[in-house]
Amino acid sequence: MDKQVRVLVEEAQRQGWVARPTKKGFLLLAPDGVGMATVHNTPSDSHWLGNVVSKMRKHGFVWPPRR
């Protein structure tokens, strides 16, 4: 699994998202019960992180993580 994928999934879980493993990655379900996003274990698109985070922010996800 790609390091950025692992960091994103761990942060999503910390913020209340549910990460369900799939054959190729993860299905992330938002705590609001409406939003969802898919993340592949080895993304091939160089813009994948920005695209996924943008979709997740619409459902309350905070990125970069607050420490």
C-alpha atoms as a PDB file:
ATOM      1  CA  MET A   1       0.000   0.000   0.000  1.00  0.00           C
ATOM      2  CA  ASP A   2       1.198   3.478  -0.877  1.00  0.00           C
ATOM      3  CA  LYS A   3       2.309   5.548   2.143  1.00  0.00           C
ATOM      4  CA  GLN A   4       0.039   8.483   1.237  1.00  0.00           C
ATOM      5  CA  VAL A   5      -2.934   6.110   0.976  1.00  0.00           C
ATOM      6  CA  ARG A   6      -2.192   4.730   4.436  1.00  0.00           C
ATOM      7  CA  VAL A   7      -1.900   8.237   5.943  1.00  0.00           C
ATOM      8  CA  LEU A   8      -5.156   9.339   4.285  1.00  0.00           C
ATOM      9  CA  VAL A   9      -7.080   6.255   5.436  1.00  0.00           C
ATOM     10  CA  GLU A  10      -5.745   6.519   9.003  1.00  0.00           C
ATOM     11  CA  GLU A  11      -6.673  10.218   9.200  1.00  0.00           C
ATOM     12  CA  ALA A  12     -10.117   9.551   7.762  1.00  0.00           C
ATOM     13  CA  GLN A  13     -10.729   6.891  10.411  1.00  0.00           C
ATOM     14  CA  ARG A  14      -9.526   9.276  13.118  1.00  0.00           C
ATOM     15  CA  GLN A  15     -12.118  11.793  11.913  1.00  0.00           C
ATOM     16  CA  GLY A  16     -14.928   9.246  12.072  1.00  0.00           C
ATOM     17  CA  TRP A  17     -14.941   7.918   8.520  1.00  0.00           C
ATOM     18  CA  VAL A  18     -15.423   4.167   8.039  1.00  0.00           C
ATOM     19  CA  ALA A  19     -12.801   2.483   5.835  1.00  0.00           C
ATOM     20  CA  ARG A  20     -14.040  -0.705   4.205  1.00  0.00           C
ATOM     21  CA  PRO A  21     -11.347  -2.695   2.400  1.00  0.00           C
ATOM     22  CA  THR A  22     -12.015  -3.723  -1.187  1.00  0.00           C
ATOM     23  CA  LYS A  23     -10.005  -5.858  -3.605  1.00  0.00           C
ATOM     24  CA  LYS A  24      -8.193  -2.811  -4.970  1.00  0.00           C
ATOM     25  CA  GLY A  25      -8.170  -0.380  -2.029  1.00  0.00           C
ATOM     26  CA  PHE A  26     -10.686   1.201   0.321  1.00  0.00           C
ATOM     27  CA  LEU A  27     -14.206   2.554   0.290  1.00  0.00           C
ATOM     28  CA  LEU A  28     -14.390   5.495   2.688  1.00  0.00           C
ATOM     29  CA  LEU A  29     -17.816   6.275   4.151  1.00  0.00           C
ATOM     30  CA  ALA A  30     -18.431   9.691   5.683  1.00  0.00           C
ATOM     31  CA  PRO A  31     -19.735  10.091   9.236  1.00  0.00           C
ATOM     32  CA  ASP A  32     -22.682  12.099   7.844  1.00  0.00           C
ATOM     33  CA  GLY A  33     -23.977   8.906   6.204  1.00  0.00           C
ATOM     34  CA  VAL A  34     -24.104  10.480   2.754  1.00  0.00           C
ATOM     35  CA  GLY A  35     -20.586  10.955   1.396  1.00  0.00           C
ATOM     36  CA  MET A  36     -18.205   8.315   0.173  1.00  0.00           C
ATOM     37  CA  ALA A  37     -14.910   8.098  -1.667  1.00  0.00           C
ATOM     38  CA  THR A  38     -12.794   5.300  -3.090  1.00  0.00           C
ATOM     39  CA  VAL A  39      -9.035   5.061  -2.765  1.00  0.00           C
ATOM     40  CA  HIS A  40      -6.858   2.537  -4.589  1.00  0.00           C
ATOM     41  CA  ASN A  41      -3.866   0.908  -2.903  1.00  0.00           C
ATOM     42  CA  THR A  42      -1.560   2.017  -5.719  1.00  0.00           C
ATOM     43  CA  PRO A  43      -3.083   5.094  -7.397  1.00  0.00           C
ATOM     44  CA  SER A  44      -1.823   5.763 -10.929  1.00  0.00           C
ATOM     45  CA  ASP A  45      -3.157   9.315 -11.316  1.00  0.00           C
ATOM     46  CA  SER A  46      -0.748  11.949 -10.025  1.00  0.00           C
ATOM     47  CA  HIS A  47      -3.676  14.111  -8.887  1.00  0.00           C
ATOM     48  CA  TRP A  48      -5.477  11.374  -6.940  1.00  0.00           C
ATOM     49  CA  LEU A  49      -4.869  12.845  -3.482  1.00  0.00           C
ATOM     50  CA  GLY A  50      -6.235  16.287  -4.339  1.00  0.00           C
ATOM     51  CA  ASN A  51      -9.262  14.780  -6.079  1.00  0.00           C
ATOM     52  CA  VAL A  52     -10.151  12.446  -3.200  1.00  0.00           C
ATOM     53  CA  VAL A  53      -9.573  15.066  -0.504  1.00  0.00           C
ATOM     54  CA  SER A  54     -11.706  17.577  -2.416  1.00  0.00           C
ATOM     55  CA  LYS A  55     -14.571  15.102  -2.544  1.00  0.00           C
ATOM     56  CA  MET A  56     -14.164  14.241   1.148  1.00  0.00           C
ATOM     57  CA  ARG A  57     -14.024  17.903   2.286  1.00  0.00           C
ATOM     58  CA  LYS A  58     -17.594  18.354   1.047  1.00  0.00           C
ATOM     59  CA  HIS A  59     -18.585  15.956   3.828  1.00  0.00           C
ATOM     60  CA  GLY A  60     -16.571  17.447   6.689  1.00  0.00           C
ATOM     61  CA  PHE A  61     -13.095  15.958   6.186  1.00  0.00           C
ATOM     62  CA  VAL A  62     -10.228  18.214   7.309  1.00  0.00           C
ATOM     63  CA  TRP A  63      -6.951  18.064   5.357  1.00  0.00           C
ATOM     64  CA  PRO A  64      -4.141  18.629   6.103  1.00  0.00           C
ATOM     65  CA  PRO A  65      -4.697  17.029   9.490  1.00  0.00           C
ATOM     66  CA  ARG A  66      -4.680  19.277  12.527  1.00  0.00           C
ATOM     67  CA  ARG A  67      -2.099  18.264  15.092  1.00  0.00           C
END
